[in-house]
Amino acid sequence: MDKYRNIGIEAVLKSGQFLLKNRDNVKKIKDKFGGADILTTADKKSEEIITSIIHKNFPSHAIFSEESGEIYGGSDLQWVMDPLDGTKHYIKGLPFFAVSLALRNQKGPVLAFTFIPITNELFISEKDRGVTFDGKNCKVSGEQSLANAIIYVEFPSSRFKVDWKKEDYDRAWRLYENLTRACFRTRAYGSGPIGMAYTAMGGFDAYVRFQPLSYEDVLGGSLMIKEAGGEITDQHGKGVEMKGNEPDTRLVASNGKIHEYILDILSQK
């Protein structure tokens, strides 16, 4: 596992370094999902960097990217990446973008990496070995009061990559308002990997995803939350299998101490 870990670190760091150096040399390739997202030359080059490093060291491993889908297949071990999460932020000069990479077997993720280039922050999680934040072990927060909690939220654009009924969209806004009124404060940086990593290290007390589940966005983060001592379920309190995209599934990840309070709010009509 140490070799997998070292190669994963190399891949996300080199990708992140490229992204930092080339912010002024990015070209748009196309719109994605009806304009809800975009694909740029930076996404593709970051993907190429990660793919090259992994395939060179582990030629039998499967590789899946949010941008290209399955690049290499046929192995029980699969690397899942989002080579540039927060593309629109990246091209607008905002700091809220990250490189996300996870290694999974048939049972689930066993290694996860989130690198935030602007702040040079590296989060690593390994199954049964915890989470590190810049080399130091970290845990979820100890906050027990929802009224004092700072919660990271993700909410979809009105133009999203899955069909969503208007009533579902409107209900999500109502639930978001209810959650905002109940907690101390909500924050939304528009990056799932960043939100889940900061929840795993105790910066946020919970991560609530109001938009439909795209597993590649949260696969690595789900391991980080669990290994940091937190809890992760769907909006009904049931476990989530990170094996595909689920239009009707919302994700709730927390320190475990305020989890039920959040689920109560999400169960409201």
Protein backbone atom coordinates (compact mmCIF):
# COMPACT_ATOMS: atom_id res chain seq x y z
CA MET A 1 0.00 0.00 0.00
CA ASP A 2 2.94 2.35 0.61
CA LYS A 3 3.87 2.32 -3.07
CA TYR A 4 0.28 3.13 -4.05
CA ARG A 5 0.34 5.95 -1.52
CA ASN A 6 3.62 7.41 -2.78
CA ILE A 7 2.56 7.29 -6.43
CA GLY A 8 -0.78 8.88 -5.57
CA ILE A 9 1.00 11.72 -3.80
CA GLU A 10 3.31 12.24 -6.77
CA ALA A 11 0.37 12.32 -9.18
CA VAL A 12 -1.74 14.92 -7.36
CA LEU A 13 1.23 17.15 -6.52
CA LYS A 14 2.52 17.25 -10.11
CA SER A 15 -0.98 17.86 -11.40
CA GLY A 16 -1.53 20.66 -8.91
CA GLN A 17 1.81 22.26 -9.70
CA PHE A 18 0.90 22.28 -13.39
CA LEU A 19 -2.44 23.92 -12.63
CA LEU A 20 -0.79 26.67 -10.61
CA LYS A 21 1.77 27.47 -13.30
CA ASN A 22 -0.69 27.52 -16.18
CA ARG A 23 -3.66 29.54 -14.94
CA ASP A 24 -3.02 32.19 -17.59
CA ASN A 25 -2.77 29.68 -20.44
CA VAL A 26 -6.12 27.94 -20.30
CA LYS A 27 -8.45 27.47 -23.24
CA LYS A 28 -12.04 26.35 -23.14
CA ILE A 29 -12.72 23.14 -25.06
CA LYS A 30 -16.49 22.89 -24.67
CA ASP A 31 -19.48 23.38 -22.40
CA LYS A 32 -20.64 20.42 -20.33
CA PHE A 33 -24.13 19.53 -19.12
CA GLY A 34 -25.88 22.35 -20.92
CA GLY A 35 -23.55 25.02 -19.60
CA ALA A 36 -23.56 23.89 -15.97
CA ASP A 37 -19.84 23.14 -16.29
CA ILE A 38 -17.02 23.43 -18.79
CA LEU A 39 -14.09 21.39 -20.05
CA THR A 40 -10.75 23.16 -20.52
CA THR A 41 -7.24 22.37 -21.67
CA ALA A 42 -6.23 22.45 -17.97
CA ASP A 43 -8.66 19.64 -17.11
CA LYS A 44 -7.28 17.47 -19.90
CA LYS A 45 -3.60 18.15 -19.18
CA SER A 46 -4.08 17.47 -15.46
CA GLU A 47 -5.82 14.23 -16.39
CA GLU A 48 -2.92 13.31 -18.69
CA ILE A 49 -0.36 13.93 -15.94
CA ILE A 50 -2.14 11.74 -13.41
CA THR A 51 -2.91 9.01 -15.92
CA SER A 52 0.69 8.87 -17.15
CA ILE A 53 2.15 8.53 -13.65
CA ILE A 54 -0.30 5.86 -12.54
CA HIS A 55 -0.21 3.80 -15.74
CA LYS A 56 3.59 3.87 -15.84
CA ASN A 57 3.81 2.44 -12.32
CA PHE A 58 0.72 0.22 -12.34
CA PRO A 59 -0.04 -0.75 -15.95
CA SER A 60 -2.62 -3.35 -14.93
CA HIS A 61 -4.72 -0.93 -12.84
CA ALA A 62 -7.98 0.53 -14.10
CA ILE A 63 -8.25 4.32 -14.36
CA PHE A 64 -11.45 6.38 -14.41
CA SER A 65 -11.68 10.14 -14.84
CA GLU A 66 -14.62 12.47 -14.39
CA GLU A 67 -13.64 14.07 -17.69
CA SER A 68 -13.06 11.02 -19.92
CA GLY A 69 -14.78 8.17 -18.14
CA GLU A 70 -12.94 4.85 -18.24
CA ILE A 71 -9.40 5.33 -19.56
CA TYR A 72 -8.08 1.88 -18.68
CA GLY A 73 -10.19 -1.02 -17.45
CA GLY A 74 -10.01 -4.64 -16.47
CA SER A 75 -8.59 -4.59 -12.94
CA ASP A 76 -9.97 -5.10 -9.45
CA LEU A 77 -8.03 -1.97 -8.47
CA GLN A 78 -9.33 1.25 -9.98
CA TRP A 79 -8.02 4.81 -9.67
CA VAL A 80 -10.80 7.41 -9.78
CA MET A 81 -9.87 11.04 -10.39
CA ASP A 82 -11.27 14.48 -10.79
CA PRO A 83 -8.21 16.17 -12.28
CA LEU A 84 -9.59 19.67 -11.72
CA ASP A 85 -12.54 20.06 -9.41
CA GLY A 86 -13.81 23.63 -9.60
CA THR A 87 -12.91 24.42 -13.20
CA LYS A 88 -15.04 27.57 -13.39
CA HIS A 89 -13.39 28.90 -10.23
CA TYR A 90 -9.98 28.09 -11.68
CA ILE A 91 -10.47 30.04 -14.90
CA LYS A 92 -11.98 33.01 -13.02
CA GLY A 93 -8.97 33.33 -10.71
CA LEU A 94 -10.72 32.03 -7.59
CA PRO A 95 -8.79 29.77 -5.17
CA PHE A 96 -11.48 27.12 -4.72
CA PHE A 97 -10.21 24.29 -6.91
CA ALA A 98 -8.58 20.96 -6.13
CA VAL A 99 -7.17 17.73 -7.50
CA SER A 100 -8.95 14.62 -6.25
CA LEU A 101 -7.74 11.03 -6.58
CA ALA A 102 -8.86 7.78 -4.98
CA LEU A 103 -7.92 4.11 -5.25
CA ARG A 104 -10.71 1.60 -4.82
CA ASN A 105 -11.07 -2.16 -4.79
CA GLN A 106 -14.29 -4.14 -5.18
CA LYS A 107 -15.33 -3.27 -1.61
CA GLY A 108 -14.74 0.48 -1.77
CA PRO A 109 -12.04 3.17 -1.51
CA VAL A 110 -8.78 2.23 0.19
CA LEU A 111 -6.72 5.38 -0.49
CA ALA A 112 -7.75 8.99 -1.07
CA PHE A 113 -5.89 12.19 -1.91
CA THR A 114 -7.12 15.77 -2.09
CA PHE A 115 -4.64 18.48 -3.01
CA ILE A 116 -5.54 22.17 -2.90
CA PRO A 117 -2.85 23.89 -5.00
CA ILE A 118 -3.43 27.51 -3.94
CA THR A 119 -2.93 26.76 -0.25
CA ASN A 120 -0.55 23.82 -0.83
CA GLU A 121 -2.71 21.64 1.42
CA LEU A 122 -2.56 17.89 1.01
CA PHE A 123 -5.08 15.52 2.59
CA ILE A 124 -4.42 11.77 2.53
CA SER A 125 -6.57 8.97 3.86
CA GLU A 126 -5.88 5.25 3.97
CA LYS A 127 -8.38 2.62 5.03
CA ASP A 128 -7.89 1.66 8.69
CA ARG A 129 -4.99 4.11 9.02
CA GLY A 130 -6.75 7.44 9.46
CA VAL A 131 -6.37 10.81 7.76
CA THR A 132 -3.45 13.21 7.55
CA PHE A 133 -3.55 16.92 6.79
CA ASP A 134 -0.12 18.13 5.68
CA GLY A 135 1.44 15.13 7.38
CA LYS A 136 -0.36 15.47 10.71
CA ASN A 137 -3.16 13.17 11.88
CA CYS A 138 -6.56 14.84 11.98
CA LYS A 139 -10.07 14.12 13.23
CA VAL A 140 -13.55 15.49 12.73
CA SER A 141 -14.72 18.24 15.05
CA GLY A 142 -16.19 17.69 18.48
CA GLU A 143 -19.07 20.16 18.01
CA GLN A 144 -22.28 18.78 19.54
CA SER A 145 -24.64 21.71 18.97
CA LEU A 146 -26.21 22.29 15.56
CA ALA A 147 -26.73 25.92 16.54
CA ASN A 148 -22.96 26.36 16.78
CA ALA A 149 -22.09 24.29 13.72
CA ILE A 150 -20.49 25.56 10.52
CA ILE A 151 -21.75 23.41 7.66
CA TYR A 152 -20.37 23.15 4.15
CA VAL A 153 -23.11 22.80 1.54
CA GLU A 154 -23.25 21.98 -2.14
CA PHE A 155 -26.16 23.09 -4.25
CA PRO A 156 -26.58 22.52 -7.99
CA SER A 157 -26.81 25.05 -10.75
CA SER A 158 -30.26 25.41 -12.24
CA ARG A 159 -28.61 23.76 -15.25
CA PHE A 160 -27.37 20.46 -13.96
CA LYS A 161 -26.10 17.24 -15.43
CA VAL A 162 -29.13 15.17 -14.48
CA ASP A 163 -32.80 15.83 -15.03
CA TRP A 164 -34.25 17.21 -11.82
CA LYS A 165 -37.92 17.96 -11.35
CA LYS A 166 -38.72 21.55 -10.48
CA GLU A 167 -40.50 20.49 -7.30
CA ASP A 168 -37.39 18.60 -6.16
CA TYR A 169 -35.24 21.63 -6.86
CA ASP A 170 -37.60 23.95 -4.99
CA ARG A 171 -37.80 21.55 -2.04
CA ALA A 172 -34.02 21.41 -1.84
CA TRP A 173 -33.93 25.20 -1.57
CA ARG A 174 -36.46 25.08 1.27
CA LEU A 175 -34.43 22.47 3.14
CA TYR A 176 -31.29 24.50 2.61
CA GLU A 177 -33.00 27.54 4.12
CA ASN A 178 -34.15 25.46 7.10
CA LEU A 179 -30.63 24.16 7.66
CA THR A 180 -29.16 27.65 7.39
CA ARG A 181 -31.59 28.94 10.02
CA ALA A 182 -30.78 26.05 12.37
CA CYS A 183 -26.98 26.11 12.27
CA PHE A 184 -24.48 28.86 13.04
CA ARG A 185 -23.45 29.35 9.43
CA THR A 186 -23.26 27.63 6.06
CA ARG A 187 -20.45 27.90 3.56
CA ALA A 188 -20.32 26.90 -0.11
CA TYR A 189 -17.07 26.97 -2.08
CA GLY A 190 -18.39 24.85 -4.94
CA SER A 191 -15.97 21.95 -4.50
CA GLY A 192 -16.96 18.62 -2.98
CA PRO A 193 -13.38 17.41 -2.38
CA ILE A 194 -12.50 20.63 -0.54
CA GLY A 195 -15.65 20.57 1.57
CA MET A 196 -15.23 16.93 2.59
CA ALA A 197 -11.51 17.31 3.31
CA TYR A 198 -12.11 20.33 5.54
CA THR A 199 -14.87 18.43 7.32
CA ALA A 200 -12.52 15.50 7.91
CA MET A 201 -9.95 17.79 9.56
CA GLY A 202 -12.57 19.49 11.76
CA GLY A 203 -12.74 22.83 9.97
CA PHE A 204 -16.38 22.27 9.08
CA ASP A 205 -18.71 20.30 11.31
CA ALA A 206 -20.62 18.71 8.42
CA TYR A 207 -20.88 18.49 4.66
CA VAL A 208 -24.35 18.40 3.12
CA ARG A 209 -24.78 17.77 -0.58
CA PHE A 210 -28.16 18.99 -1.81
CA GLN A 211 -27.36 18.14 -5.41
CA PRO A 212 -27.69 14.61 -6.82
CA LEU A 213 -24.85 12.25 -6.01
CA SER A 214 -21.98 11.87 -8.48
CA TYR A 215 -19.78 9.28 -6.87
CA GLU A 216 -16.50 10.42 -8.42
CA ASP A 217 -16.96 13.77 -6.65
CA VAL A 218 -17.18 12.24 -3.18
CA LEU A 219 -15.51 8.82 -3.34
CA GLY A 220 -12.23 9.95 -1.77
CA GLY A 221 -13.95 12.29 0.64
CA SER A 222 -16.17 9.51 1.93
CA LEU A 223 -13.09 7.56 3.02
CA MET A 224 -11.64 10.65 4.68
CA ILE A 225 -14.81 11.29 6.68
CA LYS A 226 -14.99 7.70 7.94
CA GLU A 227 -11.29 7.47 8.76
CA ALA A 228 -11.44 10.79 10.62
CA GLY A 229 -14.15 9.40 12.90
CA GLY A 230 -17.16 10.92 11.20
CA GLU A 231 -20.42 9.57 9.85
CA ILE A 232 -21.67 9.48 6.27
CA THR A 233 -25.15 8.50 5.04
CA ASP A 234 -27.81 9.47 2.55
CA GLN A 235 -30.60 11.87 3.47
CA HIS A 236 -32.55 9.00 5.08
CA GLY A 237 -29.71 7.87 7.33
CA LYS A 238 -28.85 4.85 5.19
CA GLY A 239 -25.41 3.85 3.99
CA VAL A 240 -24.29 4.97 0.53
CA GLU A 241 -22.62 2.67 -1.96
CA MET A 242 -20.10 4.66 -3.98
CA LYS A 243 -20.62 2.70 -7.18
CA GLY A 244 -22.53 4.99 -9.49
CA ASN A 245 -24.40 8.26 -9.88
CA GLU A 246 -27.64 8.47 -7.93
CA PRO A 247 -30.04 11.27 -8.97
CA ASP A 248 -32.25 10.75 -5.90
CA THR A 249 -29.47 10.45 -3.33
CA ARG A 250 -28.22 13.34 -1.20
CA LEU A 251 -25.10 12.95 0.90
CA VAL A 252 -24.70 13.92 4.54
CA ALA A 253 -21.24 13.69 6.10
CA SER A 254 -20.65 14.97 9.60
CA ASN A 255 -18.70 14.63 12.81
CA GLY A 256 -21.41 12.17 13.90
CA LYS A 257 -22.51 14.30 16.84
CA ILE A 258 -24.88 16.56 14.86
CA HIS A 259 -25.80 14.01 12.21
CA GLU A 260 -29.29 13.20 13.45
CA TYR A 261 -30.17 16.88 13.78
CA ILE A 262 -29.29 17.41 10.11
CA LEU A 263 -31.27 14.33 9.02
CA ASP A 264 -34.30 15.64 10.93
CA ILE A 265 -34.18 18.86 8.91
CA LEU A 266 -33.77 17.01 5.63
CA SER A 267 -36.82 14.86 6.40
CA GLN A 268 -39.09 17.89 6.59
CA LYS A 269 -41.63 18.48 3.82
